[in-house]
Amino acid sequence: MTFDQLDFTTYCIGALSERLKLSQPTVFRMLKDSDILGSYIVPGYEVLHTYSPEYIADDLVSLMKERGVIQ
């Protein structure tokens, strides 16, 4: 993982934490356990980081719902 990918990952965790009203460690575990972190956020960095913060949060919430991580 590059520094930019790591920086973006922490940004995503922070944005989701605010959106979902959950702690950052909780959001990190949810993303890691569902493999969203390793199979979507990190490999998709080149494209995802070009989108708005709102789009990214909406996209990740949708994916979390699709994978049954949240309702």
PDB file of N, CA and C in Angstrom:
ATOM      1  N   MET A   1       0.846  -1.171   0.000  1.00  0.00           N
ATOM      2  CA  MET A   1       0.000   0.000   0.000  1.00  0.00           C
ATOM      3  C   MET A   1       0.893   1.236   0.000  1.00  0.00           C
ATOM      4  N   THR A   2       0.586   2.163  -0.873  1.00  0.00           N
ATOM      5  CA  THR A   2       1.353   3.399  -0.941  1.00  0.00           C
ATOM      6  C   THR A   2       0.865   4.371   0.138  1.00  0.00           C
ATOM      7  N   PHE A   3       1.645   5.421   0.366  1.00  0.00           N
ATOM      8  CA  PHE A   3       1.228   6.438   1.325  1.00  0.00           C
ATOM      9  C   PHE A   3      -0.092   7.072   0.893  1.00  0.00           C
ATOM     10  N   ASP A   4      -0.257   7.347  -0.407  1.00  0.00           N
ATOM     11  CA  ASP A   4      -1.498   7.955  -0.891  1.00  0.00           C
ATOM     12  C   ASP A   4      -2.698   7.042  -0.656  1.00  0.00           C
ATOM     13  N   GLN A   5      -2.527   5.754  -0.875  1.00  0.00           N
ATOM     14  CA  GLN A   5      -3.611   4.804  -0.624  1.00  0.00           C
ATOM     15  C   GLN A   5      -3.947   4.760   0.867  1.00  0.00           C
ATOM     16  N   LEU A   6      -2.921   4.771   1.703  1.00  0.00           N
ATOM     17  CA  LEU A   6      -3.138   4.769   3.147  1.00  0.00           C
ATOM     18  C   LEU A   6      -3.858   6.037   3.579  1.00  0.00           C
ATOM     19  N   ASP A   7      -3.434   7.173   3.066  1.00  0.00           N
ATOM     20  CA  ASP A   7      -4.055   8.446   3.382  1.00  0.00           C
ATOM     21  C   ASP A   7      -5.526   8.445   2.950  1.00  0.00           C
ATOM     22  N   PHE A   8      -5.795   7.936   1.772  1.00  0.00           N
ATOM     23  CA  PHE A   8      -7.167   7.876   1.273  1.00  0.00           C
ATOM     24  C   PHE A   8      -8.013   6.922   2.109  1.00  0.00           C
ATOM     25  N   THR A   9      -7.428   5.808   2.501  1.00  0.00           N
ATOM     26  CA  THR A   9      -8.138   4.841   3.334  1.00  0.00           C
ATOM     27  C   THR A   9      -8.558   5.467   4.656  1.00  0.00           C
ATOM     28  N   THR A  10      -7.655   6.195   5.298  1.00  0.00           N
ATOM     29  CA  THR A  10      -8.009   6.837   6.564  1.00  0.00           C
ATOM     30  C   THR A  10      -9.068   7.918   6.339  1.00  0.00           C
ATOM     31  N   TYR A  11      -9.005   8.588   5.205  1.00  0.00           N
ATOM     32  CA  TYR A  11     -10.026   9.572   4.856  1.00  0.00           C
ATOM     33  C   TYR A  11     -11.395   8.892   4.732  1.00  0.00           C
ATOM     34  N   CYS A  12     -11.453   7.766   4.039  1.00  0.00           N
ATOM     35  CA  CYS A  12     -12.711   7.029   3.869  1.00  0.00           C
ATOM     36  C   CYS A  12     -13.262   6.571   5.214  1.00  0.00           C
ATOM     37  N   ILE A  13     -12.392   6.073   6.066  1.00  0.00           N
ATOM     38  CA  ILE A  13     -12.820   5.617   7.391  1.00  0.00           C
ATOM     39  C   ILE A  13     -13.399   6.789   8.189  1.00  0.00           C
ATOM     40  N   GLY A  14     -12.747   7.931   8.141  1.00  0.00           N
ATOM     41  CA  GLY A  14     -13.248   9.110   8.837  1.00  0.00           C
ATOM     42  C   GLY A  14     -14.593   9.574   8.308  1.00  0.00           C
ATOM     43  N   ALA A  15     -14.729   9.604   6.989  1.00  0.00           N
ATOM     44  CA  ALA A  15     -15.990  10.034   6.371  1.00  0.00           C
ATOM     45  C   ALA A  15     -17.130   9.081   6.730  1.00  0.00           C
ATOM     46  N   LEU A  16     -16.863   7.789   6.691  1.00  0.00           N
ATOM     47  CA  LEU A  16     -17.892   6.812   7.039  1.00  0.00           C
ATOM     48  C   LEU A  16     -18.225   6.866   8.524  1.00  0.00           C
ATOM     49  N   SER A  17     -17.225   7.101   9.331  1.00  0.00           N
ATOM     50  CA  SER A  17     -17.440   7.213  10.766  1.00  0.00           C
ATOM     51  C   SER A  17     -18.434   8.337  11.064  1.00  0.00           C
ATOM     52  N   GLU A  18     -18.243   9.461  10.424  1.00  0.00           N
ATOM     53  CA  GLU A  18     -19.160  10.589  10.605  1.00  0.00           C
ATOM     54  C   GLU A  18     -20.540  10.260  10.057  1.00  0.00           C
ATOM     55  N   ARG A  19     -20.591   9.685   8.861  1.00  0.00           N
ATOM     56  CA  ARG A  19     -21.875   9.377   8.213  1.00  0.00           C
ATOM     57  C   ARG A  19     -22.677   8.360   9.017  1.00  0.00           C
ATOM     58  N   LEU A  20     -21.987   7.311   9.515  1.00  0.00           N
ATOM     59  CA  LEU A  20     -22.677   6.226  10.210  1.00  0.00           C
ATOM     60  C   LEU A  20     -22.794   6.455  11.713  1.00  0.00           C
ATOM     61  N   LYS A  21     -22.168   7.518  12.218  1.00  0.00           N
ATOM     62  CA  LYS A  21     -22.162   7.815  13.659  1.00  0.00           C
ATOM     63  C   LYS A  21     -21.577   6.652  14.462  1.00  0.00           C
ATOM     64  N   LEU A  22     -20.463   6.120  13.954  1.00  0.00           N
ATOM     65  CA  LEU A  22     -19.733   5.038  14.606  1.00  0.00           C
ATOM     66  C   LEU A  22     -18.283   5.473  14.785  1.00  0.00           C
ATOM     67  N   SER A  23     -17.586   4.834  15.716  1.00  0.00           N
ATOM     68  CA  SER A  23     -16.176   5.173  15.924  1.00  0.00           C
ATOM     69  C   SER A  23     -15.342   4.729  14.724  1.00  0.00           C
ATOM     70  N   GLN A  24     -14.220   5.387  14.538  1.00  0.00           N
ATOM     71  CA  GLN A  24     -13.331   5.023  13.439  1.00  0.00           C
ATOM     72  C   GLN A  24     -12.803   3.595  13.573  1.00  0.00           C
ATOM     73  N   PRO A  25     -12.408   3.142  14.777  1.00  0.00           N
ATOM     74  CA  PRO A  25     -11.971   1.737  14.878  1.00  0.00           C
ATOM     75  C   PRO A  25     -13.075   0.745  14.489  1.00  0.00           C
ATOM     76  N   THR A  26     -14.315   1.064  14.830  1.00  0.00           N
ATOM     77  CA  THR A  26     -15.433   0.186  14.455  1.00  0.00           C
ATOM     78  C   THR A  26     -15.602   0.137  12.946  1.00  0.00           C
ATOM     79  N   VAL A  27     -15.561   1.296  12.304  1.00  0.00           N
ATOM     80  CA  VAL A  27     -15.694   1.358  10.843  1.00  0.00           C
ATOM     81  C   VAL A  27     -14.533   0.620  10.185  1.00  0.00           C
ATOM     82  N   PHE A  28     -13.326   0.803  10.691  1.00  0.00           N
ATOM     83  CA  PHE A  28     -12.164   0.093  10.134  1.00  0.00           C
ATOM     84  C   PHE A  28     -12.386  -1.414  10.191  1.00  0.00           C
ATOM     85  N   ARG A  29     -12.812  -1.918  11.341  1.00  0.00           N
ATOM     86  CA  ARG A  29     -13.044  -3.367  11.464  1.00  0.00           C
ATOM     87  C   ARG A  29     -14.128  -3.840  10.503  1.00  0.00           C
ATOM     88  N   MET A  30     -15.184  -3.055  10.358  1.00  0.00           N
ATOM     89  CA  MET A  30     -16.263  -3.433   9.442  1.00  0.00           C
ATOM     90  C   MET A  30     -15.747  -3.526   8.006  1.00  0.00           C
ATOM     91  N   LEU A  31     -14.966  -2.536   7.596  1.00  0.00           N
ATOM     92  CA  LEU A  31     -14.423  -2.538   6.232  1.00  0.00           C
ATOM     93  C   LEU A  31     -13.410  -3.653   6.031  1.00  0.00           C
ATOM     94  N   LYS A  32     -12.599  -3.899   7.038  1.00  0.00           N
ATOM     95  CA  LYS A  32     -11.592  -4.959   6.931  1.00  0.00           C
ATOM     96  C   LYS A  32     -12.257  -6.335   6.923  1.00  0.00           C
ATOM     97  N   ASP A  33     -13.163  -6.571   7.855  1.00  0.00           N
ATOM     98  CA  ASP A  33     -13.813  -7.883   7.961  1.00  0.00           C
ATOM     99  C   ASP A  33     -14.657  -8.224   6.738  1.00  0.00           C
ATOM    100  N   SER A  34     -15.229  -7.213   6.088  1.00  0.00           N
ATOM    101  CA  SER A  34     -16.051  -7.452   4.897  1.00  0.00           C
ATOM    102  C   SER A  34     -15.220  -7.453   3.616  1.00  0.00           C
ATOM    103  N   ASP A  35     -13.926  -7.210   3.746  1.00  0.00           N
ATOM    104  CA  ASP A  35     -12.968  -7.140   2.644  1.00  0.00           C
ATOM    105  C   ASP A  35     -13.226  -5.959   1.706  1.00  0.00           C
ATOM    106  N   ILE A  36     -14.024  -4.999   2.134  1.00  0.00           N
ATOM    107  CA  ILE A  36     -14.219  -3.793   1.330  1.00  0.00           C
ATOM    108  C   ILE A  36     -12.916  -3.002   1.274  1.00  0.00           C
ATOM    109  N   LEU A  37     -12.202  -3.036   2.355  1.00  0.00           N
ATOM    110  CA  LEU A  37     -10.926  -2.317   2.415  1.00  0.00           C
ATOM    111  C   LEU A  37      -9.928  -2.891   1.406  1.00  0.00           C
ATOM    112  N   GLY A  38      -9.728  -4.195   1.439  1.00  0.00           N
ATOM    113  CA  GLY A  38      -8.725  -4.828   0.597  1.00  0.00           C
ATOM    114  C   GLY A  38      -9.136  -5.089  -0.835  1.00  0.00           C
ATOM    115  N   SER A  39     -10.447  -5.230  -1.058  1.00  0.00           N
ATOM    116  CA  SER A  39     -10.890  -5.572  -2.416  1.00  0.00           C
ATOM    117  C   SER A  39     -11.517  -4.402  -3.169  1.00  0.00           C
ATOM    118  N   TYR A  40     -11.757  -3.291  -2.477  1.00  0.00           N
ATOM    119  CA  TYR A  40     -12.419  -2.176  -3.144  1.00  0.00           C
ATOM    120  C   TYR A  40     -11.709  -0.837  -2.940  1.00  0.00           C
ATOM    121  N   ILE A  41     -11.509  -0.449  -1.689  1.00  0.00           N
ATOM    122  CA  ILE A  41     -10.949   0.881  -1.422  1.00  0.00           C
ATOM    123  C   ILE A  41      -9.503   0.986  -1.896  1.00  0.00           C
ATOM    124  N   VAL A  42      -8.651   0.066  -1.450  1.00  0.00           N
ATOM    125  CA  VAL A  42      -7.228   0.158  -1.805  1.00  0.00           C
ATOM    126  C   VAL A  42      -7.013  -0.030  -3.306  1.00  0.00           C
ATOM    127  N   PRO A  43      -7.549  -1.105  -3.910  1.00  0.00           N
ATOM    128  CA  PRO A  43      -7.311  -1.258  -5.347  1.00  0.00           C
ATOM    129  C   PRO A  43      -8.022  -0.205  -6.203  1.00  0.00           C
ATOM    130  N   GLY A  44      -9.102   0.380  -5.685  1.00  0.00           N
ATOM    131  CA  GLY A  44      -9.846   1.369  -6.452  1.00  0.00           C
ATOM    132  C   GLY A  44      -9.399   2.798  -6.226  1.00  0.00           C
ATOM    133  N   TYR A  45      -8.326   2.970  -5.477  1.00  0.00           N
ATOM    134  CA  TYR A  45      -7.851   4.308  -5.113  1.00  0.00           C
ATOM    135  C   TYR A  45      -7.727   5.247  -6.310  1.00  0.00           C
ATOM    136  N   GLU A  46      -7.104   4.798  -7.380  1.00  0.00           N
ATOM    137  CA  GLU A  46      -6.831   5.670  -8.531  1.00  0.00           C
ATOM    138  C   GLU A  46      -8.096   6.330  -9.065  1.00  0.00           C
ATOM    139  N   VAL A  47      -9.200   5.616  -9.052  1.00  0.00           N
ATOM    140  CA  VAL A  47     -10.461   6.177  -9.536  1.00  0.00           C
ATOM    141  C   VAL A  47     -11.220   6.847  -8.397  1.00  0.00           C
ATOM    142  N   LEU A  48     -11.348   6.162  -7.277  1.00  0.00           N
ATOM    143  CA  LEU A  48     -12.178   6.664  -6.173  1.00  0.00           C
ATOM    144  C   LEU A  48     -11.727   8.019  -5.640  1.00  0.00           C
ATOM    145  N   HIS A  49     -10.433   8.255  -5.568  1.00  0.00           N
ATOM    146  CA  HIS A  49      -9.985   9.504  -4.955  1.00  0.00           C
ATOM    147  C   HIS A  49     -10.321  10.739  -5.791  1.00  0.00           C
ATOM    148  N   THR A  50     -10.809  10.529  -7.005  1.00  0.00           N
ATOM    149  CA  THR A  50     -11.176  11.664  -7.852  1.00  0.00           C
ATOM    150  C   THR A  50     -12.623  12.120  -7.614  1.00  0.00           C
ATOM    151  N   TYR A  51     -13.390  11.340  -6.866  1.00  0.00           N
ATOM    152  CA  TYR A  51     -14.794  11.669  -6.622  1.00  0.00           C
ATOM    153  C   TYR A  51     -14.964  12.552  -5.395  1.00  0.00           C
ATOM    154  N   SER A  52     -16.125  13.156  -5.289  1.00  0.00           N
ATOM    155  CA  SER A  52     -16.430  14.026  -4.148  1.00  0.00           C
ATOM    156  C   SER A  52     -16.565  13.197  -2.870  1.00  0.00           C
ATOM    157  N   PRO A  53     -16.359  13.832  -1.729  1.00  0.00           N
ATOM    158  CA  PRO A  53     -16.508  13.127  -0.451  1.00  0.00           C
ATOM    159  C   PRO A  53     -17.907  12.529  -0.281  1.00  0.00           C
ATOM    160  N   GLU A  54     -18.919  13.242  -0.732  1.00  0.00           N
ATOM    161  CA  GLU A  54     -20.291  12.745  -0.608  1.00  0.00           C
ATOM    162  C   GLU A  54     -20.499  11.490  -1.458  1.00  0.00           C
ATOM    163  N   TYR A  55     -19.959  11.529  -2.673  1.00  0.00           N
ATOM    164  CA  TYR A  55     -20.094  10.367  -3.556  1.00  0.00           C
ATOM    165  C   TYR A  55     -19.400   9.154  -2.943  1.00  0.00           C
ATOM    166  N   ILE A  56     -18.203   9.341  -2.436  1.00  0.00           N
ATOM    167  CA  ILE A  56     -17.444   8.244  -1.847  1.00  0.00           C
ATOM    168  C   ILE A  56     -18.205   7.647  -0.668  1.00  0.00           C
ATOM    169  N   ALA A  57     -18.708   8.494   0.229  1.00  0.00           N
ATOM    170  CA  ALA A  57     -19.449   7.996   1.386  1.00  0.00           C
ATOM    171  C   ALA A  57     -20.704   7.256   0.932  1.00  0.00           C
ATOM    172  N   ASP A  58     -21.446   7.816  -0.014  1.00  0.00           N
ATOM    173  CA  ASP A  58     -22.649   7.150  -0.526  1.00  0.00           C
ATOM    174  C   ASP A  58     -22.309   5.805  -1.151  1.00  0.00           C
ATOM    175  N   ASP A  59     -21.248   5.772  -1.929  1.00  0.00           N
ATOM    176  CA  ASP A  59     -20.816   4.545  -2.603  1.00  0.00           C
ATOM    177  C   ASP A  59     -20.440   3.472  -1.586  1.00  0.00           C
ATOM    178  N   LEU A  60     -19.692   3.856  -0.583  1.00  0.00           N
ATOM    179  CA  LEU A  60     -19.265   2.882   0.420  1.00  0.00           C
ATOM    180  C   LEU A  60     -20.430   2.405   1.286  1.00  0.00           C
ATOM    181  N   VAL A  61     -21.354   3.288   1.614  1.00  0.00           N
ATOM    182  CA  VAL A  61     -22.536   2.872   2.368  1.00  0.00           C
ATOM    183  C   VAL A  61     -23.346   1.879   1.534  1.00  0.00           C
ATOM    184  N   SER A  62     -23.517   2.145   0.258  1.00  0.00           N
ATOM    185  CA  SER A  62     -24.248   1.215  -0.619  1.00  0.00           C
ATOM    186  C   SER A  62     -23.567  -0.148  -0.678  1.00  0.00           C
ATOM    187  N   LEU A  63     -22.255  -0.136  -0.803  1.00  0.00           N
ATOM    188  CA  LEU A  63     -21.516  -1.395  -0.852  1.00  0.00           C
ATOM    189  C   LEU A  63     -21.612  -2.140   0.475  1.00  0.00           C
ATOM    190  N   MET A  64     -21.556  -1.420   1.579  1.00  0.00           N
ATOM    191  CA  MET A  64     -21.694  -2.059   2.889  1.00  0.00           C
ATOM    192  C   MET A  64     -23.077  -2.690   3.038  1.00  0.00           C
ATOM    193  N   LYS A  65     -24.103  -2.030   2.535  1.00  0.00           N
ATOM    194  CA  LYS A  65     -25.447  -2.600   2.580  1.00  0.00           C
ATOM    195  C   LYS A  65     -25.538  -3.830   1.690  1.00  0.00           C
ATOM    196  N   GLU A  66     -24.963  -3.735   0.506  1.00  0.00           N
ATOM    197  CA  GLU A  66     -24.973  -4.853  -0.441  1.00  0.00           C
ATOM    198  C   GLU A  66     -24.304  -6.086   0.135  1.00  0.00           C
ATOM    199  N   ARG A  67     -23.247  -5.879   0.887  1.00  0.00           N
ATOM    200  CA  ARG A  67     -22.499  -7.002   1.475  1.00  0.00           C
ATOM    201  C   ARG A  67     -23.031  -7.405   2.850  1.00  0.00           C
ATOM    202  N   GLY A  68     -24.111  -6.763   3.296  1.00  0.00           N
ATOM    203  CA  GLY A  68     -24.733  -7.134   4.560  1.00  0.00           C
ATOM    204  C   GLY A  68     -23.998  -6.654   5.792  1.00  0.00           C
ATOM    205  N   VAL A  69     -23.122  -5.680   5.638  1.00  0.00           N
ATOM    206  CA  VAL A  69     -22.364  -5.154   6.755  1.00  0.00           C
ATOM    207  C   VAL A  69     -23.239  -4.243   7.609  1.00  0.00           C
ATOM    208  N   ILE A  70     -24.093  -3.465   6.948  1.00  0.00           N
ATOM    209  CA  ILE A  70     -25.064  -2.608   7.621  1.00  0.00           C
ATOM    210  C   ILE A  70     -26.407  -2.783   6.956  1.00  0.00           C
ATOM    211  N   GLN A  71     -27.442  -2.287   7.605  1.00  0.00           N
ATOM    212  CA  GLN A  71     -28.794  -2.402   7.026  1.00  0.00           C
ATOM    213  C   GLN A  71     -29.223  -1.121   6.380  1.00  0.00           C
TER     214      GLN A  71
END
